[in-house]
Structures are given as C-alpha cells and as structure tokens.
Amino acid sequence: MIKQLLQHVKDALLSILPVTLTVILLHFTGLVPLGNNIITFVIGAAFLLIGLILFNIGVSESLLKVGEMIGSSLVKVSKFPLLILIVFIMGFVITSAEPSVMLLATQTPINRYVFVFVVAGGVGLYLVLAVLKVIFNKHFNVFVITTYVLIFGCAILVAPEFLPMAFDSSGVATGVVTVPFIIAIGTGVAMTLSKRRAQEDSFGFVGFAILGPILFVIIMGIFSDKPTYSAGESGEVLTISQMILNAIKHAAIDNALVLVPILVFFVIYQVFYIKLSKRKLLRIGVGFIYVYMGLLLFIAGANIGYVPIGNLIGEVLVNKNNLAIMLTIIALIGGLACLAEPSVHFLGSQVEEISDGTIKKTTLVLTLAGGVCISMMLSVIRVYFDFSFMYFIVPGYFIAVALTFIVPRVYTSIAFDGGGAVSSALTASFLAPIIMGVTMAIPGRDLVLNGLGTIGLISMMPLITIQLLGFGAMVKERAAIRISKARRVEEYEAEIIYFN
C-alpha cells in the first residue's frame, strides 16, 4: 500500500514539477516576467499536485476496478440492446467526469454543460462501436476511415469556428478519468470476448472512442449559430483567498454533477451483474471520495493558477516581438509537459514489449515529446500568420489514415491511444491557454477561430509518429528475415559437395 502511494506521489510530482519549475525559472530570469501572478501560479500548482495525488489514489481504488469489473461482466448481459445501452451509458458518464473536458468547456463560447454532454455522447456512441468491433472482428481502419469521411464531409457544412473546437474535444476526452476506465473496459471485453486476439483488441478503445466527439461537435455546429465570445466583465478585483474560495465553490458543484451519476450507475449495475461484498463496495466508495476531492483541488488549482498564467505567458511572449524566442520557449514548455506525463512512459513500455525491443521506450517517449514540440510551434505559427486550422489538420489526418493500410494493426491501435497519452490534463489547463494568450495579444485574431485547436494538433501527432515507428519496425523485421534467409542459403550451399 505504501509502495503504491509513493508511486502516485512520484507520478504527480513528475507531471507537475517540471513545468512549474520551468515557469518559475523563466520568471526569475526575466525571460517571462509574471509579476505578483507568480504567487497564484505556485498556489495553483500546489492544488494541482495534491489533487492529482488524491485523484490517482481514488482512480486505482475505484474507477479502474469498476471499469475492469464492468468490462469482464458484460458477457453476462444476455440481451444485446441492453449491452449496447450499458456501454453507451458508461462512456457518457465517465467522459462527463473528465476534468479536461470541463476545463475546455469553460474556455469555449458554448454553454459548458451543453459542450460536455455533446462530447460525452460522442464518446459513448463510439465506445459502443469499439465493443462491436471486437465482437464482430472488424478491422480498426474500416471504422476510422468511415468516421473521417463523415467528419470532413460534415465540416463543409459547418462554420469554420467549430472545427478547432471539435478536434480539441477529441484530445480532452482522453484524460485522467476516461483513459484508465476505457482501457480497463477494453481489456475486460477483449479478454472475455476475444481471447485469441486479446492483446491486439485491448488497444485502440481509447483512440476509437475519441473520434465520436469530433463528429458530434461538428454536427452540433451545423445546427448552431456562429460561436463568439461575449465581452468579459471587469467586476471587482478579488484577493487570493477570495479567488481560491470561488474556484473551490464552482469546482465542488461541477464535480458533484458529473461524479454522482457514475456512482449511481455503478451501484445499480453491480446489484444486477457484479454483486460485490459490502467490504469491497465500501472500499470503492472511499475511492470515489478520493476521486472527488482530487478533482476538486485539481480543477480549482487549474483555474487559480495554470489557465490565467498560461494566458499571461502567451501575451508576454508576443509583446517581446521575437518569433524565434516565442517558438523556442513555447516548444520547450510543451516538450517538458510531454516528457513529464506518466501515461507517455507507460505507453512507451507497452510498445517496447509488443515490438520485442525493436522500438525502445526512450525512442518512443522522445518521439512523442518532439511531436508535442512541433504541435506547439505549429499552433503559434497558425495564430501568428492567421493560417486556417484545416491547412494543418487535413494533411495530418490524411497521412495518419494512409499509414493504417501499411503498418500492422496493433501499431495503428496504439497510435490512436497515443493521442490520449500526450493530451494530458496539463494540455487543457496550461498548454492550450498559452496559445489562447498569444491569440489575445495579436490584434485582429479571433479567439474561437485562432485560439482553439492546439489540443487537436497535439493529439494528432501520435497518430503519425507511432505509426511511422511501427513502419520502421516492420521494415527492420523484414530486412532481418531476408538476411536470415540469405545466411541459411549460404550455409546450405557451403555444405554441398561438388564432384568434378
């Protein structure tokens, strides 16, 4: 138990400290002076750290176990329509509890509850399709290509302001709540329904589920007016203590609204299908309390420190009038955030194991970090020169989909899961606000059209980089086979005795 607690503390420290220390260093060296705002940033970082520790403890004791139990018990659901309904509800309620989704919802001009429900509905539907993929043994890229045809087909009909928002929604849908839960469901379903292909089918659930939010947000945009930010109100200047209490109050209400449905659903489901003992139920209940408290501190910390300081960093860097410095610092922050993300290292270990060491963990982690650096720089360039979001997203996804026809299926599944690994909570709470700050500081830029889209670009990169690594591993394997065959032929010929 102590060992597990220390691991949670270590993961939280690795996630929060590198970026926090980098910002503090940039402040005190004068590269990015933040004034007295550095105090609220440090307080927010402390809230984030404690919240993440509590949340990770709660997830391991509640959400992760609940996901595994529900996933493995789905085979007990004899009625197919009921199975579909249960999977949809699971995807919906879990996504509703994702803190990154709520953080992004507060940064969009859409009503935050409408935005959360639309994103959650997309995840629910595509989690159902992911389960059907396993049941009927369908190829991953068949569903992916069909979805992208629908996405880019509908994109023609929607106002361009909705497109960055739609692709951002897919990135935030893969966060600290949804990823462990959906992976647990995927593992349980794959082990139960697809034992011979369990390892291969257990991957891809996350990556496939997050396609839904893109499509759903675009469809919502077709039937909505053009989104615009309303003019902000100046209001009274709050003290630090007032800011903290205000943030905690709002986070407490929002978290209760999204976590209570999960708990109610699990209690009803376990009565009919799982039937746990009172002791196990009590332990899971305590885990849910940890999750709630962790989310409370995490969301409050992000709103107190990370989001406003992210905006300020973007504005300060623009005012330096040096594009090279701005690109370097923002790329550095993005790369550090990726290197510090525990899920990136976990994914690296998985890929190294699956590839039998052909792809090293270090190689994958550095590749993903490099992809985040590139995404951050592309986001700055897009805002700075007022380029269309589609100039970046269409070629990127075209390359990603094309690679699905070439690389082994398992790498495609891992690549789509990789988007969730790099789209961490820090992405929505800090990296995206930096680009929003850049947008605010450049005259003539639209906060919806230019400010959003960073998360979408970040989550797109692993689809390309991991599949390219898989392609490289495939080429190396085939080359090794050819060399091995050539050697056997040479050895065979050397054993032949020729008679003159």
Protein backbone atom coordinates (compact mmCIF):
# COMPACT_ATOMS: atom_id res chain seq x y z
CA MET A 1 0.00 0.00 0.00
CA ILE A 2 2.82 2.40 0.93
CA LYS A 3 4.69 1.47 -2.24
CA GLN A 4 1.58 2.26 -4.32
CA LEU A 5 1.11 5.58 -2.51
CA LEU A 6 4.73 6.57 -3.17
CA GLN A 7 4.24 5.72 -6.85
CA HIS A 8 1.20 8.00 -7.02
CA VAL A 9 3.18 10.80 -5.37
CA LYS A 10 6.05 10.23 -7.82
CA ASP A 11 3.72 10.33 -10.85
CA ALA A 12 2.09 13.55 -9.64
CA LEU A 13 5.45 15.20 -8.97
CA LEU A 14 6.73 14.19 -12.42
CA SER A 15 3.59 15.64 -14.03
CA ILE A 16 3.50 18.99 -12.22
CA LEU A 17 7.02 19.92 -11.11
CA PRO A 18 8.92 20.16 -14.45
CA VAL A 19 6.54 22.70 -16.00
CA THR A 20 6.09 24.55 -12.70
CA LEU A 21 9.85 24.89 -12.15
CA THR A 22 10.34 25.94 -15.78
CA VAL A 23 7.79 28.75 -15.45
CA ILE A 24 9.36 29.89 -12.15
CA LEU A 25 12.81 29.87 -13.81
CA LEU A 26 11.51 31.86 -16.80
CA HIS A 27 10.01 34.39 -14.38
CA PHE A 28 13.08 34.93 -12.21
CA THR A 29 15.47 35.06 -15.20
CA GLY A 30 13.33 37.84 -16.67
CA LEU A 31 12.54 35.95 -19.89
CA VAL A 32 8.83 35.82 -18.99
CA PRO A 33 8.19 38.21 -16.08
CA LEU A 34 4.87 37.46 -14.41
CA GLY A 35 4.90 39.94 -11.51
CA ASN A 36 2.79 39.04 -8.49
CA ASN A 37 0.89 36.49 -10.59
CA ILE A 38 3.70 34.03 -9.85
CA ILE A 39 2.20 33.67 -6.34
CA THR A 40 -1.18 32.48 -7.62
CA PHE A 41 0.64 30.21 -10.08
CA VAL A 42 2.56 28.47 -7.28
CA ILE A 43 -0.63 28.13 -5.19
CA GLY A 44 -2.45 26.68 -8.19
CA ALA A 45 0.44 24.24 -8.79
CA ALA A 46 0.25 23.09 -5.16
CA PHE A 47 -3.50 22.47 -5.55
CA LEU A 48 -2.87 20.57 -8.78
CA LEU A 49 -0.19 18.42 -7.15
CA ILE A 50 -2.26 17.44 -4.11
CA GLY A 51 -5.35 16.97 -6.27
CA LEU A 52 -3.53 14.68 -8.70
CA ILE A 53 -2.17 12.53 -5.86
CA LEU A 54 -5.62 12.11 -4.30
CA PHE A 55 -7.19 11.53 -7.70
CA ASN A 56 -4.68 8.82 -8.69
CA ILE A 57 -5.26 7.01 -5.40
CA GLY A 58 -9.01 7.18 -5.94
CA VAL A 59 -8.83 6.01 -9.55
CA SER A 60 -6.80 2.92 -8.66
CA GLU A 61 -9.24 2.05 -5.86
CA SER A 62 -12.49 2.86 -7.67
CA LEU A 63 -12.74 3.82 -11.33
CA LEU A 64 -10.10 1.39 -12.59
CA LYS A 65 -11.55 -1.54 -10.67
CA VAL A 66 -15.08 -0.58 -11.66
CA GLY A 67 -14.08 -0.46 -15.33
CA GLU A 68 -12.42 -3.88 -15.19
CA MET A 69 -15.38 -5.46 -13.40
CA ILE A 70 -17.94 -3.97 -15.77
CA GLY A 71 -15.86 -4.87 -18.84
CA SER A 72 -15.45 -8.51 -17.80
CA SER A 73 -19.10 -8.80 -16.69
CA LEU A 74 -20.58 -7.55 -19.97
CA VAL A 75 -20.67 -11.15 -21.21
CA LYS A 76 -23.35 -11.79 -18.56
CA VAL A 77 -25.67 -9.31 -20.28
CA SER A 78 -27.72 -11.66 -22.43
CA LYS A 79 -29.83 -9.07 -24.23
CA PHE A 80 -27.85 -7.34 -26.98
CA PRO A 81 -29.78 -3.99 -26.87
CA LEU A 82 -29.18 -3.84 -23.09
CA LEU A 83 -25.46 -4.46 -23.64
CA ILE A 84 -25.30 -1.56 -26.08
CA LEU A 85 -27.17 0.72 -23.69
CA ILE A 86 -24.89 -0.13 -20.76
CA VAL A 87 -21.71 0.53 -22.77
CA PHE A 88 -23.11 3.85 -24.02
CA ILE A 89 -24.06 4.98 -20.51
CA MET A 90 -20.60 4.05 -19.24
CA GLY A 91 -18.88 6.09 -21.92
CA PHE A 92 -21.21 9.03 -21.36
CA VAL A 93 -20.96 9.29 -17.58
CA ILE A 94 -17.19 8.69 -17.45
CA THR A 95 -16.49 11.38 -20.05
CA SER A 96 -18.75 13.77 -18.17
CA ALA A 97 -16.42 13.36 -15.19
CA GLU A 98 -13.25 14.09 -17.18
CA PRO A 99 -11.66 17.29 -15.78
CA SER A 100 -10.01 18.19 -19.10
CA VAL A 101 -13.42 18.23 -20.79
CA MET A 102 -14.79 20.64 -18.19
CA LEU A 103 -11.65 22.80 -18.41
CA LEU A 104 -12.01 23.11 -22.19
CA ALA A 105 -15.75 23.72 -21.84
CA THR A 106 -15.00 26.81 -19.73
CA GLN A 107 -12.68 28.10 -22.48
CA THR A 108 -15.19 27.76 -25.34
CA PRO A 109 -18.08 30.13 -26.18
CA ILE A 110 -20.53 27.22 -25.95
CA ASN A 111 -22.58 26.62 -22.80
CA ARG A 112 -20.25 24.38 -20.79
CA TYR A 113 -22.87 21.78 -19.88
CA VAL A 114 -24.08 21.50 -23.48
CA PHE A 115 -20.46 21.10 -24.62
CA VAL A 116 -19.76 18.40 -22.01
CA PHE A 117 -22.91 16.43 -22.90
CA VAL A 118 -22.16 16.57 -26.64
CA VAL A 119 -18.59 15.34 -26.12
CA ALA A 120 -19.76 12.65 -23.69
CA GLY A 121 -22.42 11.48 -26.16
CA GLY A 122 -19.78 11.11 -28.86
CA VAL A 123 -17.55 9.01 -26.62
CA GLY A 124 -20.50 6.85 -25.55
CA LEU A 125 -21.53 6.04 -29.12
CA TYR A 126 -18.00 5.27 -30.30
CA LEU A 127 -17.25 3.15 -27.26
CA VAL A 128 -20.24 1.07 -28.33
CA LEU A 129 -18.75 0.79 -31.83
CA ALA A 130 -15.39 -0.22 -30.32
CA VAL A 131 -17.07 -3.10 -28.48
CA LEU A 132 -18.90 -4.12 -31.67
CA LYS A 133 -15.55 -4.08 -33.49
CA VAL A 134 -14.25 -6.74 -31.09
CA ILE A 135 -17.44 -8.81 -31.17
CA PHE A 136 -17.62 -8.93 -34.98
CA ASN A 137 -13.82 -8.92 -35.54
CA LYS A 138 -13.79 -5.90 -37.85
CA HIS A 139 -10.61 -4.09 -38.91
CA PHE A 140 -9.88 -0.89 -36.98
CA ASN A 141 -9.22 1.28 -40.03
CA VAL A 142 -12.61 0.46 -41.59
CA PHE A 143 -14.35 2.34 -38.77
CA VAL A 144 -11.70 5.06 -38.69
CA ILE A 145 -11.88 5.86 -42.40
CA THR A 146 -15.68 5.85 -42.37
CA THR A 147 -15.69 8.28 -39.46
CA TYR A 148 -13.19 10.64 -41.06
CA VAL A 149 -15.22 10.66 -44.27
CA LEU A 150 -18.22 11.72 -42.19
CA ILE A 151 -16.16 14.29 -40.24
CA PHE A 152 -14.66 16.05 -43.24
CA GLY A 153 -17.91 15.73 -45.17
CA CYS A 154 -19.84 17.47 -42.39
CA ALA A 155 -17.01 20.01 -41.99
CA ILE A 156 -18.03 21.52 -45.31
CA LEU A 157 -21.45 22.36 -43.87
CA VAL A 158 -20.34 23.93 -40.57
CA ALA A 159 -18.96 27.34 -39.67
CA PRO A 160 -15.13 27.15 -39.55
CA GLU A 161 -15.14 28.33 -35.92
CA PHE A 162 -16.47 24.93 -34.84
CA LEU A 163 -13.62 22.91 -36.39
CA PRO A 164 -10.78 23.75 -33.95
CA MET A 165 -13.24 23.24 -31.10
CA ALA A 166 -14.27 19.83 -32.47
CA PHE A 167 -10.73 18.48 -32.78
CA ASP A 168 -9.83 19.90 -29.36
CA SER A 169 -12.75 17.97 -27.88
CA SER A 170 -11.24 14.67 -29.02
CA GLY A 171 -7.99 15.49 -27.23
CA VAL A 172 -9.55 16.41 -23.88
CA ALA A 173 -11.84 13.37 -23.99
CA THR A 174 -8.74 11.25 -23.32
CA GLY A 175 -7.72 12.32 -19.85
CA VAL A 176 -7.07 11.14 -16.34
CA VAL A 177 -10.61 9.76 -15.88
CA THR A 178 -11.54 8.34 -19.28
CA VAL A 179 -8.23 6.69 -20.22
CA PRO A 180 -7.90 4.28 -17.26
CA PHE A 181 -11.61 3.50 -17.30
CA ILE A 182 -11.92 2.88 -21.05
CA ILE A 183 -8.66 0.88 -21.15
CA ALA A 184 -9.96 -1.26 -18.30
CA ILE A 185 -13.25 -1.82 -20.15
CA GLY A 186 -11.36 -2.61 -23.36
CA THR A 187 -9.11 -5.10 -21.59
CA GLY A 188 -12.06 -6.78 -19.91
CA VAL A 189 -14.06 -7.01 -23.14
CA ALA A 190 -11.06 -8.24 -25.16
CA MET A 191 -10.11 -10.90 -22.59
CA THR A 192 -13.70 -12.09 -22.35
CA LEU A 193 -14.86 -11.94 -25.97
CA SER A 194 -11.62 -12.17 -27.94
CA LYS A 195 -9.17 -14.35 -26.02
CA ARG A 196 -7.00 -15.26 -29.01
CA ARG A 197 -6.53 -11.61 -30.01
CA ALA A 198 -6.83 -10.10 -26.52
CA GLN A 199 -3.60 -8.11 -26.65
CA GLU A 200 -4.34 -6.62 -30.05
CA ASP A 201 -8.02 -5.90 -29.40
CA SER A 202 -7.40 -4.35 -25.98
CA PHE A 203 -5.61 -1.45 -27.69
CA GLY A 204 -7.48 1.15 -29.69
CA PHE A 205 -10.53 1.53 -27.44
CA VAL A 206 -9.45 4.98 -26.28
CA GLY A 207 -8.34 6.15 -29.70
CA PHE A 208 -11.52 4.91 -31.33
CA ALA A 209 -13.84 6.33 -28.66
CA ILE A 210 -12.48 9.86 -29.07
CA LEU A 211 -13.47 10.01 -32.73
CA GLY A 212 -17.05 10.50 -31.59
CA PRO A 213 -16.60 13.95 -30.01
CA ILE A 214 -15.16 15.38 -33.24
CA LEU A 215 -18.16 14.24 -35.24
CA PHE A 216 -20.70 15.20 -32.58
CA VAL A 217 -19.34 18.74 -32.07
CA ILE A 218 -19.33 19.32 -35.84
CA ILE A 219 -22.91 18.06 -36.11
CA MET A 220 -23.84 20.37 -33.21
CA GLY A 221 -22.23 23.22 -35.16
CA ILE A 222 -24.38 22.52 -38.22
CA PHE A 223 -27.48 23.29 -36.17
CA SER A 224 -25.98 26.16 -34.14
CA ASP A 225 -25.23 29.80 -34.72
CA LYS A 226 -21.67 31.02 -35.26
CA PRO A 227 -19.91 30.89 -31.86
CA THR A 228 -18.47 34.11 -30.43
CA TYR A 229 -17.08 35.07 -27.05
CA SER A 230 -19.14 37.57 -25.11
CA ALA A 231 -17.39 40.65 -23.79
CA GLY A 232 -15.84 39.98 -20.41
CA GLU A 233 -16.97 41.83 -17.34
CA SER A 234 -14.36 43.71 -15.32
CA GLY A 235 -16.03 43.11 -11.95
CA GLU A 236 -14.27 43.57 -8.62
CA VAL A 237 -10.66 42.67 -8.01
CA LEU A 238 -10.53 39.55 -5.83
CA THR A 239 -7.93 38.75 -3.19
CA ILE A 240 -6.04 35.46 -3.43
CA SER A 241 -8.18 33.90 -0.70
CA GLN A 242 -11.37 35.01 -2.48
CA MET A 243 -10.09 33.53 -5.76
CA ILE A 244 -9.37 30.21 -4.04
CA LEU A 245 -12.77 30.02 -2.34
CA ASN A 246 -14.56 31.00 -5.55
CA ALA A 247 -12.70 28.36 -7.58
CA ILE A 248 -13.36 25.65 -4.98
CA LYS A 249 -17.07 26.51 -4.83
CA HIS A 250 -17.55 26.22 -8.60
CA ALA A 251 -15.43 23.06 -8.81
CA ALA A 252 -17.38 21.42 -5.96
CA ILE A 253 -20.70 21.91 -7.75
CA ASP A 254 -19.43 20.84 -11.19
CA ASN A 255 -17.69 17.72 -9.86
CA ALA A 256 -20.75 16.63 -7.90
CA LEU A 257 -22.91 16.96 -11.01
CA VAL A 258 -20.65 14.66 -13.04
CA LEU A 259 -19.48 12.13 -10.41
CA VAL A 260 -22.83 11.33 -8.76
CA PRO A 261 -24.28 9.78 -11.99
CA ILE A 262 -21.22 7.49 -12.24
CA LEU A 263 -21.69 6.29 -8.68
CA VAL A 264 -25.44 5.77 -9.14
CA PHE A 265 -24.89 3.82 -12.39
CA PHE A 266 -22.30 1.56 -10.76
CA VAL A 267 -24.48 0.82 -7.73
CA ILE A 268 -27.41 -0.20 -9.95
CA TYR A 269 -25.20 -2.24 -12.29
CA GLN A 270 -23.42 -4.12 -9.52
CA VAL A 271 -26.73 -5.11 -7.91
CA PHE A 272 -27.75 -7.00 -11.06
CA TYR A 273 -24.45 -8.24 -12.53
CA ILE A 274 -21.41 -7.90 -10.24
CA LYS A 275 -22.84 -8.33 -6.71
CA LEU A 276 -19.83 -7.28 -4.66
CA SER A 277 -19.47 -7.77 -0.93
CA LYS A 278 -20.12 -4.84 1.41
CA ARG A 279 -16.41 -4.61 2.20
CA LYS A 280 -15.46 -4.20 -1.45
CA LEU A 281 -18.27 -1.72 -2.02
CA LEU A 282 -17.06 0.34 0.94
CA ARG A 283 -13.53 0.37 -0.43
CA ILE A 284 -14.75 1.53 -3.84
CA GLY A 285 -16.91 4.17 -2.11
CA VAL A 286 -13.88 5.53 -0.29
CA GLY A 287 -12.05 5.56 -3.62
CA PHE A 288 -14.82 7.71 -5.10
CA ILE A 289 -14.37 10.19 -2.25
CA TYR A 290 -10.68 10.44 -3.08
CA VAL A 291 -11.57 10.98 -6.75
CA TYR A 292 -13.99 13.77 -5.84
CA MET A 293 -11.54 15.55 -3.56
CA GLY A 294 -8.74 15.14 -6.09
CA LEU A 295 -10.85 16.56 -8.92
CA LEU A 296 -11.99 19.40 -6.68
CA LEU A 297 -8.42 20.52 -5.95
CA PHE A 298 -7.25 19.84 -9.50
CA ILE A 299 -9.93 21.94 -11.21
CA ALA A 300 -9.62 24.70 -8.62
CA GLY A 301 -5.82 24.75 -9.00
CA ALA A 302 -6.05 24.93 -12.78
CA ASN A 303 -8.49 27.85 -12.64
CA ILE A 304 -6.49 29.67 -9.96
CA GLY A 305 -3.02 29.36 -11.47
CA TYR A 306 -2.43 27.43 -14.67
CA VAL A 307 -5.12 28.76 -17.02
CA PRO A 308 -4.65 32.51 -16.29
CA ILE A 309 -0.85 32.22 -16.13
CA GLY A 310 -0.87 30.30 -19.42
CA ASN A 311 -2.77 33.20 -20.99
CA LEU A 312 -0.33 35.69 -19.49
CA ILE A 313 2.75 33.80 -20.73
CA GLY A 314 1.37 33.85 -24.27
CA GLU A 315 0.72 37.60 -24.09
CA VAL A 316 4.16 38.37 -22.61
CA LEU A 317 5.95 36.37 -25.30
CA VAL A 318 4.05 38.13 -28.10
CA ASN A 319 4.98 41.51 -26.63
CA LYS A 320 8.67 40.59 -26.92
CA ASN A 321 8.26 40.87 -30.73
CA ASN A 322 10.64 37.95 -31.31
CA LEU A 323 9.05 34.98 -33.06
CA ALA A 324 12.11 32.74 -32.62
CA ILE A 325 12.19 33.22 -28.83
CA MET A 326 8.43 32.69 -28.60
CA LEU A 327 8.60 29.45 -30.62
CA THR A 328 11.54 28.15 -28.58
CA ILE A 329 10.05 28.81 -25.15
CA ILE A 330 6.57 27.52 -26.04
CA ALA A 331 8.02 24.39 -27.69
CA LEU A 332 10.22 23.80 -24.62
CA ILE A 333 7.24 24.01 -22.26
CA GLY A 334 5.23 21.63 -24.47
CA GLY A 335 8.06 19.10 -24.69
CA LEU A 336 8.65 19.14 -20.93
CA ALA A 337 4.93 18.64 -20.29
CA CYS A 338 5.00 15.55 -22.53
CA LEU A 339 8.22 14.12 -21.02
CA ALA A 340 6.75 14.53 -17.54
CA GLU A 341 3.50 12.73 -18.40
CA PRO A 342 3.40 9.23 -16.77
CA SER A 343 0.99 7.88 -19.40
CA VAL A 344 3.58 8.61 -22.10
CA HIS A 345 6.15 6.46 -20.29
CA PHE A 346 3.55 3.74 -19.72
CA LEU A 347 2.74 3.71 -23.43
CA GLY A 348 6.47 3.54 -24.22
CA SER A 349 6.85 0.44 -22.06
CA GLN A 350 3.90 -1.20 -23.81
CA VAL A 351 5.28 -0.53 -27.28
CA GLU A 352 8.75 -1.78 -26.33
CA GLU A 353 7.22 -5.01 -25.06
CA ILE A 354 4.99 -5.54 -28.09
CA SER A 355 7.78 -4.82 -30.58
CA ASP A 356 10.15 -7.21 -28.72
CA GLY A 357 12.56 -4.35 -28.15
CA THR A 358 12.63 -3.19 -31.78
CA ILE A 359 11.17 0.14 -30.65
CA LYS A 360 12.78 1.29 -27.42
CA LYS A 361 10.77 3.10 -24.78
CA THR A 362 13.18 6.04 -24.87
CA THR A 363 12.78 6.35 -28.64
CA LEU A 364 9.01 6.47 -28.40
CA VAL A 365 8.94 8.94 -25.50
CA LEU A 366 11.35 11.33 -27.22
CA THR A 367 9.39 10.99 -30.47
CA LEU A 368 6.13 11.86 -28.74
CA ALA A 369 7.77 14.81 -26.96
CA GLY A 370 9.17 16.02 -30.26
CA GLY A 371 5.70 15.75 -31.76
CA VAL A 372 4.27 17.93 -28.99
CA CYS A 373 7.04 20.50 -29.57
CA ILE A 374 6.17 20.58 -33.27
CA SER A 375 2.44 20.87 -32.49
CA MET A 376 3.04 23.83 -30.17
CA MET A 377 5.18 25.60 -32.77
CA LEU A 378 2.59 24.93 -35.49
CA SER A 379 -0.08 26.37 -33.20
CA VAL A 380 1.95 29.56 -32.72
CA ILE A 381 2.64 29.84 -36.46
CA ARG A 382 -1.04 29.28 -37.22
CA VAL A 383 -2.06 32.14 -34.94
CA TYR A 384 0.85 34.43 -35.81
CA PHE A 385 0.29 34.26 -39.58
CA ASP A 386 -3.50 33.70 -39.36
CA PHE A 387 -3.42 30.37 -41.20
CA SER A 388 -6.54 28.21 -41.42
CA PHE A 389 -6.75 25.33 -38.96
CA MET A 390 -7.64 23.00 -41.85
CA TYR A 391 -4.26 23.64 -43.51
CA PHE A 392 -2.72 21.59 -40.71
CA ILE A 393 -5.36 19.09 -39.68
CA VAL A 394 -6.37 17.77 -43.12
CA PRO A 395 -2.85 16.76 -44.32
CA GLY A 396 -2.07 15.36 -40.87
CA TYR A 397 -5.05 13.05 -40.73
CA PHE A 398 -4.62 12.10 -44.39
CA ILE A 399 -1.11 10.83 -43.57
CA ALA A 400 -2.38 9.09 -40.41
CA VAL A 401 -5.19 7.26 -42.26
CA ALA A 402 -2.89 6.33 -45.17
CA LEU A 403 -0.46 4.69 -42.73
CA THR A 404 -3.24 2.46 -41.35
CA PHE A 405 -3.11 0.50 -44.64
CA ILE A 406 0.63 -0.13 -44.30
CA VAL A 407 1.57 -0.75 -40.67
CA PRO A 408 0.49 -3.76 -38.56
CA ARG A 409 -2.91 -3.38 -36.93
CA VAL A 410 -1.56 -3.29 -33.38
CA TYR A 411 0.53 -0.17 -34.11
CA THR A 412 -2.48 1.62 -35.55
CA SER A 413 -4.44 0.88 -32.37
CA ILE A 414 -1.57 2.03 -30.14
CA ALA A 415 -1.15 5.19 -32.25
CA PHE A 416 -4.75 6.22 -31.72
CA ASP A 417 -4.37 5.51 -28.00
CA GLY A 418 -1.21 7.65 -28.06
CA GLY A 419 -3.28 10.75 -28.70
CA GLY A 420 -4.67 10.31 -25.21
CA ALA A 421 -1.21 9.86 -23.72
CA VAL A 422 0.03 13.28 -24.88
CA SER A 423 -3.30 15.08 -24.38
CA SER A 424 -2.85 15.18 -20.63
CA ALA A 425 -4.58 17.39 -18.10
CA LEU A 426 -1.70 19.86 -18.45
CA THR A 427 -2.59 20.29 -22.11
CA ALA A 428 -6.04 21.71 -21.40
CA SER A 429 -5.03 23.56 -18.23
CA PHE A 430 -1.78 25.13 -19.41
CA LEU A 431 -0.57 24.48 -22.99
CA ALA A 432 -3.84 25.45 -24.70
CA PRO A 433 -4.21 28.64 -22.59
CA ILE A 434 -0.70 29.72 -23.68
CA ILE A 435 -1.82 29.70 -27.33
CA MET A 436 -5.03 31.45 -26.29
CA GLY A 437 -2.85 34.14 -24.70
CA VAL A 438 -0.88 34.50 -27.94
CA THR A 439 -4.19 34.97 -29.76
CA MET A 440 -5.34 37.64 -27.31
CA ALA A 441 -2.13 39.62 -27.74
CA ILE A 442 -2.16 39.75 -31.57
CA PRO A 443 -4.61 42.33 -32.98
CA GLY A 444 -7.23 41.03 -35.36
CA ARG A 445 -7.11 37.40 -34.23
CA ASP A 446 -10.34 35.57 -33.44
CA LEU A 447 -10.38 33.77 -30.07
CA VAL A 448 -12.56 30.94 -31.39
CA LEU A 449 -11.04 30.54 -34.85
CA ASN A 450 -7.39 31.08 -33.87
CA GLY A 451 -7.26 30.46 -30.13
CA LEU A 452 -8.72 26.94 -30.15
CA GLY A 453 -7.24 23.95 -31.98
CA THR A 454 -3.99 23.42 -30.04
CA ILE A 455 -5.20 20.26 -28.30
CA GLY A 456 -6.39 18.85 -31.62
CA LEU A 457 -2.95 19.31 -33.19
CA ILE A 458 -1.20 17.79 -30.17
CA SER A 459 -3.43 14.71 -30.13
CA MET A 460 -3.00 14.26 -33.91
CA MET A 461 0.80 13.89 -33.83
CA PRO A 462 1.00 10.41 -32.22
CA LEU A 463 -1.22 9.03 -34.99
CA ILE A 464 1.64 9.82 -37.36
CA THR A 465 4.73 9.31 -35.21
CA ILE A 466 3.80 5.95 -33.64
CA GLN A 467 2.66 4.50 -36.97
CA LEU A 468 5.92 5.69 -38.54
CA LEU A 469 7.81 3.91 -35.76
CA GLY A 470 5.71 0.83 -36.43
CA PHE A 471 6.52 1.10 -40.13
CA GLY A 472 10.21 1.31 -39.27
CA ALA A 473 9.93 -1.76 -37.04
CA MET A 474 8.16 -3.65 -39.84
CA VAL A 475 10.90 -2.73 -42.33
CA LYS A 476 13.63 -3.81 -39.88
CA GLU A 477 11.85 -7.10 -39.21
CA ARG A 478 11.50 -7.89 -42.91
CA ALA A 479 15.13 -6.94 -43.52
CA ALA A 480 16.21 -9.24 -40.69
CA ILE A 481 14.16 -12.08 -42.19
CA ARG A 482 15.75 -11.55 -45.62
CA ILE A 483 19.24 -11.53 -44.10
CA SER A 484 18.46 -14.68 -42.12
CA LYS A 485 17.21 -16.47 -45.24
CA ALA A 486 20.28 -15.38 -47.21
CA ARG A 487 22.55 -16.73 -44.48
CA ARG A 488 20.73 -20.07 -44.43
CA VAL A 489 21.10 -20.32 -48.21
CA GLU A 490 24.82 -19.57 -47.94
CA GLU A 491 25.25 -22.15 -45.18
CA TYR A 492 23.32 -24.71 -47.20
CA GLU A 493 25.41 -24.09 -50.30
CA ALA A 494 28.61 -24.30 -48.25
CA GLU A 495 27.60 -27.82 -47.15
CA ILE A 496 27.07 -29.03 -50.73
CA ILE A 497 29.88 -31.25 -52.03
CA TYR A 498 30.60 -30.69 -55.69
CA PHE A 499 32.18 -33.54 -57.80
CA ASN A 500 34.25 -32.64 -60.82
